[in-house]
Amino acid sequence: MEEKEQQEIDLDKVYEYDEFPDKVSGRCDHCNSAYFKSSVKGGVFLRECRECGMKKKKHLVGKG
């Protein structure tokens, strides 16, 4: 039934929020930490866990 839930997390990959949303909002899916460093550059929000290094990005919609 929930085969997708047991995916192995590749820490070298940058995941898209839309395809891989947080299991628990505001927590790292790999280590459950809430300690992140984040940045916005070129219309892309990037969040990296400071404990394990897992990364997720979100493309921001610009206002016209």
Protein backbone atom coordinates (compact mmCIF):
# COMPACT_ATOMS: atom_id res chain seq x y z
CA MET A 1 0.00 0.00 0.00
CA GLU A 2 2.42 2.71 1.18
CA GLU A 3 5.53 1.59 -0.71
CA LYS A 4 6.50 5.18 -1.57
CA GLU A 5 6.80 6.06 2.14
CA GLN A 6 9.79 3.74 2.71
CA GLN A 7 12.13 5.37 0.15
CA GLU A 8 15.80 5.57 1.00
CA ILE A 9 16.97 9.19 1.25
CA ASP A 10 20.00 10.16 -0.85
CA LEU A 11 21.83 12.96 0.98
CA ASP A 12 23.69 13.98 -2.20
CA LYS A 13 20.43 14.82 -3.99
CA VAL A 14 18.46 18.08 -3.75
CA TYR A 15 14.77 17.20 -3.43
CA GLU A 16 11.86 19.30 -4.70
CA TYR A 17 9.28 20.26 -2.03
CA ASP A 18 6.43 19.63 -4.49
CA GLU A 19 7.57 16.04 -5.14
CA PHE A 20 8.88 15.23 -1.64
CA PRO A 21 7.02 17.28 1.02
CA ASP A 22 8.03 17.16 4.69
CA LYS A 23 6.75 14.10 6.56
CA VAL A 24 6.52 16.31 9.65
CA SER A 25 6.25 20.02 8.88
CA GLY A 26 9.46 21.89 9.67
CA ARG A 27 11.45 18.72 10.42
CA CYS A 28 14.11 16.92 8.41
CA ASP A 29 12.78 13.71 6.84
CA HIS A 30 16.09 11.93 7.45
CA CYS A 31 17.07 12.82 11.03
CA ASN A 32 13.98 14.70 12.34
CA SER A 33 16.06 17.78 13.19
CA ALA A 34 14.54 21.27 13.08
CA TYR A 35 17.92 23.01 12.66
CA PHE A 36 18.37 24.27 9.07
CA LYS A 37 20.33 26.78 7.08
CA SER A 38 18.38 28.31 4.24
CA SER A 39 18.91 30.71 1.37
CA VAL A 40 17.08 32.29 -1.55
CA LYS A 41 18.95 32.81 -4.80
CA GLY A 42 17.66 33.20 -8.33
CA GLY A 43 14.06 32.60 -7.26
CA VAL A 44 14.89 29.29 -5.56
CA PHE A 45 14.47 28.67 -1.81
CA LEU A 46 17.02 26.10 -0.60
CA ARG A 47 16.86 24.49 2.85
CA GLU A 48 19.68 22.28 4.17
CA CYS A 49 19.60 20.34 7.42
CA ARG A 50 22.55 21.28 9.63
CA GLU A 51 22.59 17.84 11.24
CA CYS A 52 22.64 15.47 8.24
CA GLY A 53 22.86 17.72 5.16
CA MET A 54 19.57 16.73 3.48
CA LYS A 55 18.51 19.45 1.00
CA LYS A 56 15.14 20.53 -0.37
CA LYS A 57 14.35 23.34 -2.77
CA LYS A 58 11.26 25.26 -3.80
CA HIS A 59 10.94 27.45 -6.88
CA LEU A 60 9.37 30.75 -5.87
CA VAL A 61 6.76 32.45 -8.05
CA GLY A 62 7.70 36.04 -8.81
CA LYS A 63 5.23 38.89 -8.78
CA GLY A 64 4.79 40.58 -12.12
